[in-house]
Amino acid sequence: MSSFHFYEASNKNMDEIFEILNEFEKEAPALDYPHIHRAKMKQTLMMFLQKGKIMLIKDLDENKIVGITILTVQEYSWSREQLLAVQTIYILKE
């Protein structure tokens, strides 16, 4: 059974973030998702790192990122109280 490490990403993890999002991009057409605009994705990821959270999942046995969760800070629709809302969850197939 594999061991996994869950951690909050930072600017130093951009290469790992792009690596797993490249895998996501390969699956996007089959999911009927729109084409990924790389410049916008990079700009948006930087915003998420500053104003939200990006969580990575690393398979320690394979030394490889296998999952990502992107969360944004929002307000409840009925309150001024903030919450972290899920923007994206992606786990590699294998």
Protein backbone atom coordinates (compact mmCIF):
# COMPACT_ATOMS: atom_id res chain seq x y z
CA MET A 1 0.00 0.00 0.00
CA SER A 2 1.35 3.41 -0.98
CA SER A 3 2.09 6.21 1.44
CA PHE A 4 0.79 9.69 0.62
CA HIS A 5 1.74 13.18 1.72
CA PHE A 6 -0.93 15.93 1.62
CA TYR A 7 0.44 19.48 1.70
CA GLU A 8 -0.26 23.08 0.78
CA ALA A 9 1.48 24.19 -2.39
CA SER A 10 3.56 27.34 -2.70
CA ASN A 11 5.29 29.19 -5.55
CA LYS A 12 8.14 26.67 -5.42
CA ASN A 13 5.68 23.90 -6.45
CA MET A 14 4.65 25.49 -9.77
CA ASP A 15 6.43 22.84 -11.86
CA GLU A 16 4.63 20.06 -10.00
CA ILE A 17 1.31 21.87 -10.32
CA PHE A 18 1.76 22.28 -14.08
CA GLU A 19 2.81 18.64 -14.40
CA ILE A 20 -0.41 17.31 -12.89
CA LEU A 21 -2.55 19.89 -14.70
CA ASN A 22 -0.99 18.70 -17.98
CA GLU A 23 -2.39 15.26 -17.16
CA PHE A 24 -5.75 16.89 -16.43
CA GLU A 25 -5.59 18.66 -19.81
CA LYS A 26 -5.23 15.29 -21.59
CA GLU A 27 -8.51 14.13 -20.04
CA ALA A 28 -10.41 17.42 -20.46
CA PRO A 29 -11.81 16.75 -23.98
CA ALA A 30 -13.34 13.42 -22.91
CA LEU A 31 -15.03 15.26 -20.02
CA ASP A 32 -16.34 17.93 -22.43
CA TYR A 33 -14.33 20.62 -20.63
CA PRO A 34 -13.15 23.67 -22.57
CA HIS A 35 -9.60 23.95 -23.91
CA ILE A 36 -7.03 25.09 -21.33
CA HIS A 37 -5.55 28.53 -22.02
CA ARG A 38 -2.08 28.21 -20.46
CA ALA A 39 -1.41 31.92 -19.88
CA LYS A 40 -4.74 32.31 -18.09
CA MET A 41 -4.13 29.12 -16.12
CA LYS A 42 -0.76 30.39 -14.89
CA GLN A 43 -2.21 33.77 -13.89
CA THR A 44 -5.15 32.10 -12.13
CA LEU A 45 -2.89 29.66 -10.27
CA MET A 46 -0.83 32.57 -8.95
CA MET A 47 -4.06 34.19 -7.71
CA PHE A 48 -5.11 30.94 -6.01
CA LEU A 49 -1.73 30.71 -4.29
CA GLN A 50 -2.21 34.25 -2.93
CA LYS A 51 -5.96 34.29 -2.18
CA GLY A 52 -6.91 30.65 -1.88
CA LYS A 53 -5.27 27.29 -1.33
CA ILE A 54 -3.76 24.66 -3.58
CA MET A 55 -3.34 21.28 -1.93
CA LEU A 56 -1.14 18.61 -3.49
CA ILE A 57 -1.10 14.86 -2.90
CA LYS A 58 2.23 13.12 -3.38
CA ASP A 59 2.71 9.37 -3.64
CA LEU A 60 5.83 8.92 -1.51
CA ASP A 61 6.61 5.48 -2.95
CA GLU A 62 6.59 6.81 -6.53
CA ASN A 63 7.85 10.30 -5.57
CA LYS A 64 5.14 11.74 -7.80
CA ILE A 65 2.25 14.20 -7.48
CA VAL A 66 -0.97 12.22 -7.95
CA GLY A 67 -3.64 14.73 -6.94
CA ILE A 68 -4.51 18.39 -6.63
CA THR A 69 -7.30 20.36 -4.99
CA ILE A 70 -7.77 24.07 -5.68
CA LEU A 71 -9.81 26.07 -3.18
CA THR A 72 -10.96 29.68 -3.36
CA VAL A 73 -12.01 32.06 -0.62
CA GLN A 74 -15.65 33.06 -1.06
CA GLU A 75 -18.57 34.23 1.04
CA TYR A 76 -21.66 32.24 1.79
CA SER A 77 -24.55 33.48 -0.36
CA TRP A 78 -26.55 34.27 2.81
CA SER A 79 -23.78 35.65 5.02
CA ARG A 80 -20.64 37.80 5.11
CA GLU A 81 -18.75 34.86 6.61
CA GLN A 82 -16.05 33.40 4.37
CA LEU A 83 -15.45 29.80 3.36
CA LEU A 84 -13.03 27.84 1.21
CA ALA A 85 -14.94 26.60 -1.84
CA VAL A 86 -13.68 23.78 -4.06
CA GLN A 87 -12.68 25.03 -7.51
CA THR A 88 -11.01 21.86 -8.82
CA ILE A 89 -10.28 18.33 -7.62
CA TYR A 90 -8.18 16.05 -9.80
CA ILE A 91 -6.63 12.66 -9.04
CA LEU A 92 -4.57 10.70 -11.56
CA LYS A 93 -6.31 7.60 -12.89
CA GLU A 94 -3.53 5.24 -11.83
